[in-house]
């Protein structure tokens, strides 16, 4: 595995770790309705895309890929995650959820790497904006 892809995978895993429990449960089908919720999958994708957007920029044939396009692609990738893996990711016990999170991160990072060229700019993190509501 390329060094850059390994870093991207780790960053996706961290982003998945900070997803709010409500969205995680909806994505995994362990929420109130006990089935996977498409809107929750979309919210997980938004959290991951925003987290990656702080330091990663994606390009398609020289054109900078819009944030919404990244969110949509990640949502499609997450929708393809098998139900059992998604359910395990939503488990409250890290012992069970971490391997599933890492598997989802590997799949997502590979899909992003296959689809677009990307750059990593840690200096961009200086200008961070809050991921969830509130004033800066």
N, C-alpha and C. Protein backbone atom coordinates (compact mmCIF):
# COMPACT_ATOMS: atom_id res chain seq x y z
N UNK A 1 0.84 -1.18 0.00
CA UNK A 1 0.00 0.00 0.00
C UNK A 1 0.89 1.24 0.00
N UNK A 2 0.55 2.20 -0.81
CA UNK A 2 1.31 3.45 -0.89
C UNK A 2 1.20 4.22 0.42
N UNK A 3 2.27 4.93 0.77
CA UNK A 3 2.29 5.68 2.02
C UNK A 3 1.14 6.68 2.08
N UNK A 4 0.92 7.41 1.00
CA UNK A 4 -0.15 8.41 0.99
C UNK A 4 -1.52 7.79 1.19
N UNK A 5 -1.75 6.65 0.56
CA UNK A 5 -3.04 5.97 0.70
C UNK A 5 -3.23 5.50 2.14
N UNK A 6 -2.16 5.06 2.78
CA UNK A 6 -2.22 4.64 4.17
C UNK A 6 -2.63 5.82 5.06
N UNK A 7 -2.06 7.00 4.80
CA UNK A 7 -2.42 8.19 5.57
C UNK A 7 -3.88 8.58 5.34
N UNK A 8 -4.32 8.51 4.09
CA UNK A 8 -5.71 8.82 3.77
C UNK A 8 -6.64 7.85 4.50
N UNK A 9 -6.28 6.59 4.50
CA UNK A 9 -7.08 5.58 5.19
C UNK A 9 -7.18 5.88 6.69
N UNK A 10 -6.06 6.25 7.30
CA UNK A 10 -6.07 6.58 8.73
C UNK A 10 -6.93 7.81 9.01
N UNK A 11 -6.87 8.79 8.12
CA UNK A 11 -7.68 9.99 8.32
C UNK A 11 -9.17 9.70 8.15
N UNK A 12 -9.51 8.83 7.23
CA UNK A 12 -10.92 8.43 7.08
C UNK A 12 -11.37 7.69 8.34
N UNK A 13 -10.51 6.84 8.89
CA UNK A 13 -10.84 6.11 10.11
C UNK A 13 -11.08 7.07 11.28
N UNK A 14 -10.25 8.11 11.39
CA UNK A 14 -10.44 9.10 12.45
C UNK A 14 -11.76 9.83 12.24
N UNK A 15 -12.05 10.19 10.99
CA UNK A 15 -13.31 10.88 10.69
C UNK A 15 -14.51 10.00 11.06
N UNK A 16 -14.42 8.71 10.76
CA UNK A 16 -15.50 7.80 11.12
C UNK A 16 -15.64 7.66 12.63
N UNK A 17 -14.53 7.82 13.35
CA UNK A 17 -14.57 7.70 14.81
C UNK A 17 -15.29 8.88 15.46
N UNK A 18 -15.32 10.04 14.80
CA UNK A 18 -15.94 11.21 15.41
C UNK A 18 -17.38 11.44 14.92
N UNK A 19 -17.91 10.51 14.16
CA UNK A 19 -19.30 10.62 13.70
C UNK A 19 -20.22 10.50 14.92
N UNK A 20 -21.17 11.43 15.06
CA UNK A 20 -22.10 11.35 16.20
C UNK A 20 -22.85 10.02 16.24
N UNK A 21 -23.11 9.55 17.43
CA UNK A 21 -23.74 8.24 17.66
C UNK A 21 -25.07 8.10 16.89
N UNK A 22 -25.87 9.15 16.85
CA UNK A 22 -27.16 9.08 16.16
C UNK A 22 -26.99 8.69 14.69
N UNK A 23 -26.04 9.33 14.02
CA UNK A 23 -25.80 9.03 12.61
C UNK A 23 -25.19 7.65 12.44
N UNK A 24 -24.31 7.30 13.36
CA UNK A 24 -23.67 5.98 13.31
C UNK A 24 -24.73 4.88 13.43
N UNK A 25 -25.66 5.06 14.37
CA UNK A 25 -26.73 4.07 14.54
C UNK A 25 -27.62 3.99 13.31
N UNK A 26 -27.96 5.14 12.74
CA UNK A 26 -28.79 5.14 11.54
C UNK A 26 -28.10 4.49 10.36
N UNK A 27 -26.80 4.74 10.24
CA UNK A 27 -26.01 4.13 9.16
C UNK A 27 -25.94 2.62 9.33
N UNK A 28 -25.78 2.17 10.57
CA UNK A 28 -25.62 0.74 10.83
C UNK A 28 -26.92 -0.03 10.98
N UNK A 29 -28.05 0.69 11.03
CA UNK A 29 -29.33 0.01 11.20
C UNK A 29 -29.59 -0.42 12.62
N UNK A 30 -28.98 0.28 13.58
CA UNK A 30 -29.19 -0.06 14.99
C UNK A 30 -29.96 1.04 15.71
N UNK A 31 -30.53 1.95 14.95
CA UNK A 31 -31.30 3.04 15.55
C UNK A 31 -32.71 2.59 15.89
N UNK A 32 -33.60 3.54 16.08
CA UNK A 32 -34.97 3.27 16.47
C UNK A 32 -35.69 2.38 15.46
N UNK A 33 -35.49 2.62 14.19
CA UNK A 33 -36.20 1.86 13.15
C UNK A 33 -35.56 0.52 12.81
N UNK A 34 -34.37 0.27 13.31
CA UNK A 34 -33.68 -1.01 13.11
C UNK A 34 -33.44 -1.35 11.65
N UNK A 35 -33.24 -0.33 10.84
CA UNK A 35 -32.83 -0.55 9.45
C UNK A 35 -31.92 0.61 9.05
N UNK A 36 -31.13 0.38 8.04
CA UNK A 36 -30.20 1.42 7.60
C UNK A 36 -30.97 2.59 7.01
N UNK A 37 -30.59 3.78 7.44
CA UNK A 37 -31.29 4.99 7.02
C UNK A 37 -30.43 5.76 6.02
N UNK A 38 -30.94 5.99 4.81
CA UNK A 38 -30.15 6.71 3.79
C UNK A 38 -29.71 8.11 4.23
N UNK A 39 -30.57 8.81 4.97
CA UNK A 39 -30.17 10.15 5.40
C UNK A 39 -29.02 10.10 6.41
N UNK A 40 -28.99 9.05 7.23
CA UNK A 40 -27.89 8.91 8.19
C UNK A 40 -26.59 8.58 7.45
N UNK A 41 -26.68 7.76 6.41
CA UNK A 41 -25.51 7.46 5.59
C UNK A 41 -24.97 8.74 4.97
N UNK A 42 -25.87 9.57 4.50
CA UNK A 42 -25.48 10.86 3.91
C UNK A 42 -24.78 11.74 4.95
N UNK A 43 -25.29 11.76 6.18
CA UNK A 43 -24.68 12.57 7.24
C UNK A 43 -23.29 12.05 7.62
N UNK A 44 -23.12 10.74 7.64
CA UNK A 44 -21.80 10.17 7.89
C UNK A 44 -20.84 10.61 6.79
N UNK A 45 -21.30 10.58 5.55
CA UNK A 45 -20.47 11.02 4.42
C UNK A 45 -20.10 12.49 4.55
N UNK A 46 -21.04 13.32 5.01
CA UNK A 46 -20.77 14.75 5.19
C UNK A 46 -19.69 14.96 6.24
N UNK A 47 -19.79 14.24 7.36
CA UNK A 47 -18.78 14.36 8.42
C UNK A 47 -17.40 13.96 7.89
N UNK A 48 -17.33 12.84 7.18
CA UNK A 48 -16.05 12.37 6.64
C UNK A 48 -15.50 13.36 5.63
N UNK A 49 -16.34 13.85 4.72
CA UNK A 49 -15.88 14.79 3.70
C UNK A 49 -15.40 16.10 4.32
N UNK A 50 -16.11 16.59 5.32
CA UNK A 50 -15.68 17.83 5.98
C UNK A 50 -14.36 17.64 6.72
N UNK A 51 -14.23 16.50 7.36
CA UNK A 51 -12.98 16.21 8.08
C UNK A 51 -11.81 16.15 7.10
N UNK A 52 -12.00 15.43 6.00
CA UNK A 52 -10.94 15.33 4.99
C UNK A 52 -10.69 16.67 4.31
N UNK A 53 -11.73 17.46 4.15
CA UNK A 53 -11.63 18.74 3.46
C UNK A 53 -10.71 19.74 4.13
N UNK A 54 -10.42 19.53 5.41
CA UNK A 54 -9.51 20.43 6.11
C UNK A 54 -8.08 20.33 5.58
N UNK A 55 -7.68 19.14 5.17
CA UNK A 55 -6.29 18.95 4.76
C UNK A 55 -6.11 18.29 3.39
N UNK A 56 -7.17 17.77 2.81
CA UNK A 56 -7.08 17.10 1.51
C UNK A 56 -7.84 17.90 0.46
N UNK A 57 -7.28 17.92 -0.74
CA UNK A 57 -7.96 18.51 -1.89
C UNK A 57 -7.98 17.45 -2.98
N UNK A 58 -9.15 17.23 -3.57
CA UNK A 58 -9.31 16.22 -4.61
C UNK A 58 -9.42 16.89 -5.97
N UNK A 59 -8.79 16.27 -6.98
CA UNK A 59 -8.77 16.83 -8.33
C UNK A 59 -9.23 15.79 -9.34
N UNK A 60 -9.97 16.27 -10.35
CA UNK A 60 -10.41 15.43 -11.46
C UNK A 60 -9.98 16.11 -12.74
N UNK A 61 -8.94 15.56 -13.38
CA UNK A 61 -8.39 16.12 -14.62
C UNK A 61 -8.05 17.60 -14.47
N UNK A 62 -7.38 17.94 -13.39
CA UNK A 62 -6.93 19.31 -13.17
C UNK A 62 -7.97 20.22 -12.53
N UNK A 63 -9.19 19.77 -12.45
CA UNK A 63 -10.27 20.56 -11.85
C UNK A 63 -10.43 20.16 -10.39
N UNK A 64 -10.53 21.16 -9.51
CA UNK A 64 -10.75 20.88 -8.10
C UNK A 64 -12.17 20.35 -7.92
N UNK A 65 -12.28 19.22 -7.25
CA UNK A 65 -13.59 18.58 -7.05
C UNK A 65 -14.32 19.33 -5.94
N UNK A 66 -15.58 19.64 -6.18
CA UNK A 66 -16.39 20.36 -5.20
C UNK A 66 -16.67 19.47 -3.98
N UNK A 67 -16.83 20.13 -2.84
CA UNK A 67 -17.09 19.42 -1.59
C UNK A 67 -18.35 18.55 -1.69
N UNK A 68 -19.39 19.06 -2.31
CA UNK A 68 -20.63 18.29 -2.43
C UNK A 68 -20.44 17.03 -3.27
N UNK A 69 -19.57 17.12 -4.27
CA UNK A 69 -19.29 15.95 -5.11
C UNK A 69 -18.54 14.88 -4.30
N UNK A 70 -17.63 15.33 -3.44
CA UNK A 70 -16.92 14.39 -2.56
C UNK A 70 -17.91 13.74 -1.60
N UNK A 71 -18.80 14.54 -1.03
CA UNK A 71 -19.81 14.01 -0.10
C UNK A 71 -20.68 12.96 -0.78
N UNK A 72 -21.13 13.25 -2.00
CA UNK A 72 -21.98 12.31 -2.74
C UNK A 72 -21.25 11.01 -3.03
N UNK A 73 -19.98 11.12 -3.43
CA UNK A 73 -19.21 9.92 -3.74
C UNK A 73 -18.99 9.07 -2.48
N UNK A 74 -18.66 9.73 -1.37
CA UNK A 74 -18.46 8.98 -0.12
C UNK A 74 -19.78 8.33 0.30
N UNK A 75 -20.90 9.02 0.13
CA UNK A 75 -22.20 8.45 0.48
C UNK A 75 -22.47 7.19 -0.36
N UNK A 76 -22.15 7.24 -1.65
CA UNK A 76 -22.32 6.06 -2.51
C UNK A 76 -21.44 4.91 -2.03
N UNK A 77 -20.21 5.24 -1.66
CA UNK A 77 -19.28 4.21 -1.18
C UNK A 77 -19.80 3.60 0.12
N UNK A 78 -20.31 4.43 1.02
CA UNK A 78 -20.82 3.94 2.30
C UNK A 78 -22.10 3.11 2.12
N UNK A 79 -22.90 3.47 1.13
CA UNK A 79 -24.12 2.71 0.86
C UNK A 79 -23.78 1.29 0.42
N UNK A 80 -22.64 1.12 -0.23
CA UNK A 80 -22.22 -0.20 -0.70
C UNK A 80 -21.62 -1.08 0.40
N UNK A 81 -21.41 -0.51 1.59
CA UNK A 81 -20.85 -1.29 2.71
C UNK A 81 -21.87 -2.36 3.09
N UNK A 82 -21.44 -3.61 3.27
CA UNK A 82 -22.37 -4.68 3.66
C UNK A 82 -23.08 -4.35 4.98
N UNK A 83 -24.33 -4.79 5.09
CA UNK A 83 -25.15 -4.49 6.27
C UNK A 83 -24.48 -4.95 7.56
N UNK A 84 -23.89 -6.12 7.55
CA UNK A 84 -23.28 -6.66 8.77
C UNK A 84 -22.09 -5.80 9.21
N UNK A 85 -21.29 -5.34 8.27
CA UNK A 85 -20.15 -4.47 8.60
C UNK A 85 -20.65 -3.14 9.15
N UNK A 86 -21.68 -2.57 8.53
CA UNK A 86 -22.25 -1.30 9.01
C UNK A 86 -22.82 -1.46 10.41
N UNK A 87 -23.49 -2.57 10.66
CA UNK A 87 -24.06 -2.82 11.98
C UNK A 87 -22.96 -2.97 13.03
N UNK A 88 -21.89 -3.65 12.68
CA UNK A 88 -20.77 -3.82 13.61
C UNK A 88 -20.10 -2.48 13.89
N UNK A 89 -19.98 -1.63 12.88
CA UNK A 89 -19.41 -0.29 13.05
C UNK A 89 -20.23 0.52 14.05
N UNK A 90 -21.54 0.32 14.08
CA UNK A 90 -22.41 1.07 14.98
C UNK A 90 -22.40 0.52 16.41
N UNK A 91 -21.73 -0.60 16.65
CA UNK A 91 -21.67 -1.19 17.98
C UNK A 91 -21.02 -0.23 18.96
N UNK A 92 -21.53 -0.19 20.19
CA UNK A 92 -20.99 0.73 21.20
C UNK A 92 -19.62 0.29 21.72
N UNK A 93 -19.33 -0.99 21.64
CA UNK A 93 -18.05 -1.49 22.14
C UNK A 93 -16.97 -1.34 21.08
N UNK A 94 -15.94 -0.58 21.41
CA UNK A 94 -14.85 -0.32 20.48
C UNK A 94 -14.17 -1.62 20.04
N UNK A 95 -14.15 -2.60 20.91
CA UNK A 95 -13.56 -3.89 20.59
C UNK A 95 -14.15 -4.46 19.30
N UNK A 96 -15.45 -4.26 19.11
CA UNK A 96 -16.12 -4.76 17.91
C UNK A 96 -16.16 -3.73 16.79
N UNK A 97 -16.40 -2.48 17.15
CA UNK A 97 -16.61 -1.45 16.12
C UNK A 97 -15.33 -1.02 15.42
N UNK A 98 -14.19 -1.07 16.11
CA UNK A 98 -12.94 -0.59 15.50
C UNK A 98 -12.52 -1.39 14.25
N UNK A 99 -12.55 -2.72 14.28
CA UNK A 99 -12.19 -3.44 13.04
C UNK A 99 -13.13 -3.11 11.87
N UNK A 100 -14.42 -2.96 12.16
CA UNK A 100 -15.37 -2.59 11.11
C UNK A 100 -15.08 -1.19 10.60
N UNK A 101 -14.78 -0.28 11.52
CA UNK A 101 -14.45 1.10 11.13
C UNK A 101 -13.22 1.11 10.23
N UNK A 102 -12.21 0.33 10.58
CA UNK A 102 -10.99 0.27 9.77
C UNK A 102 -11.26 -0.34 8.39
N UNK A 103 -12.14 -1.33 8.34
CA UNK A 103 -12.50 -1.94 7.06
C UNK A 103 -13.24 -0.93 6.17
N UNK A 104 -14.17 -0.19 6.75
CA UNK A 104 -14.90 0.83 6.00
C UNK A 104 -13.95 1.93 5.54
N UNK A 105 -13.02 2.31 6.42
CA UNK A 105 -12.03 3.35 6.07
C UNK A 105 -11.15 2.90 4.91
N UNK A 106 -10.72 1.65 4.93
CA UNK A 106 -9.87 1.13 3.85
C UNK A 106 -10.62 1.14 2.52
N UNK A 107 -11.87 0.71 2.55
CA UNK A 107 -12.68 0.68 1.33
C UNK A 107 -12.91 2.10 0.80
N UNK A 108 -13.23 3.02 1.70
CA UNK A 108 -13.50 4.40 1.30
C UNK A 108 -12.24 5.07 0.76
N UNK A 109 -11.12 4.90 1.45
CA UNK A 109 -9.86 5.51 1.01
C UNK A 109 -9.45 4.97 -0.36
N UNK A 110 -9.59 3.67 -0.56
CA UNK A 110 -9.25 3.06 -1.85
C UNK A 110 -10.15 3.61 -2.96
N UNK A 111 -11.43 3.76 -2.66
CA UNK A 111 -12.37 4.29 -3.66
C UNK A 111 -12.02 5.74 -4.01
N UNK A 112 -11.69 6.55 -3.01
CA UNK A 112 -11.30 7.94 -3.26
C UNK A 112 -10.02 8.00 -4.09
N UNK A 113 -9.06 7.16 -3.74
CA UNK A 113 -7.78 7.13 -4.46
C UNK A 113 -7.96 6.68 -5.91
N UNK A 114 -8.86 5.72 -6.12
CA UNK A 114 -9.11 5.23 -7.48
C UNK A 114 -9.85 6.26 -8.33
N UNK A 115 -10.71 7.04 -7.71
CA UNK A 115 -11.56 7.99 -8.45
C UNK A 115 -10.83 9.28 -8.79
N UNK A 116 -10.09 9.85 -7.82
CA UNK A 116 -9.49 11.17 -8.01
C UNK A 116 -8.02 11.20 -7.60
N UNK A 117 -7.32 12.18 -8.16
CA UNK A 117 -5.98 12.51 -7.68
C UNK A 117 -6.20 13.44 -6.50
N UNK A 118 -5.35 13.35 -5.49
CA UNK A 118 -5.55 14.20 -4.32
C UNK A 118 -4.22 14.71 -3.78
N UNK A 119 -4.30 15.80 -3.03
CA UNK A 119 -3.12 16.36 -2.38
C UNK A 119 -3.42 16.53 -0.90
N UNK A 120 -2.36 16.46 -0.12
CA UNK A 120 -2.46 16.63 1.33
C UNK A 120 -1.73 17.91 1.70
N UNK A 121 -2.42 18.84 2.31
CA UNK A 121 -1.84 20.12 2.71
C UNK A 121 -2.13 20.36 4.19
N UNK A 122 -1.24 19.91 5.08
CA UNK A 122 -1.50 20.10 6.51
C UNK A 122 -1.56 21.56 6.93
N UNK A 123 -0.92 22.46 6.17
CA UNK A 123 -0.96 23.88 6.51
C UNK A 123 -2.38 24.43 6.43
N UNK A 124 -3.24 23.79 5.63
CA UNK A 124 -4.62 24.24 5.52
C UNK A 124 -5.38 24.07 6.83
N UNK A 125 -4.91 23.22 7.71
CA UNK A 125 -5.59 22.98 8.97
C UNK A 125 -5.55 24.20 9.88
N UNK A 126 -4.68 25.16 9.60
CA UNK A 126 -4.61 26.38 10.40
C UNK A 126 -5.91 27.16 10.30
N UNK A 127 -6.59 27.05 9.19
CA UNK A 127 -7.82 27.80 8.95
C UNK A 127 -9.07 26.98 9.22
N UNK A 128 -9.02 26.10 10.21
CA UNK A 128 -10.14 25.21 10.49
C UNK A 128 -11.40 25.97 10.86
N UNK A 129 -12.51 25.44 10.39
CA UNK A 129 -13.82 25.95 10.78
C UNK A 129 -14.52 24.82 11.52
N UNK A 130 -15.46 25.14 12.40
CA UNK A 130 -16.15 24.08 13.14
C UNK A 130 -16.90 23.14 12.20
N UNK A 131 -16.88 21.84 12.51
CA UNK A 131 -17.59 20.86 11.69
C UNK A 131 -19.08 20.91 11.98
N UNK A 132 -19.45 21.22 13.20
CA UNK A 132 -20.85 21.22 13.60
C UNK A 132 -21.19 22.58 14.17
N UNK A 133 -22.28 23.20 13.70
CA UNK A 133 -22.82 24.46 14.21
C UNK A 133 -21.91 25.31 15.08
N UNK A 134 -22.39 26.40 15.54
CA UNK A 134 -21.64 27.26 16.44
C UNK A 134 -20.77 28.26 15.70
N UNK A 135 -20.41 29.30 16.41
CA UNK A 135 -19.56 30.34 15.84
C UNK A 135 -18.10 29.92 15.89
N UNK A 136 -17.29 30.44 14.97
CA UNK A 136 -15.87 30.04 14.93
C UNK A 136 -15.09 30.50 16.13
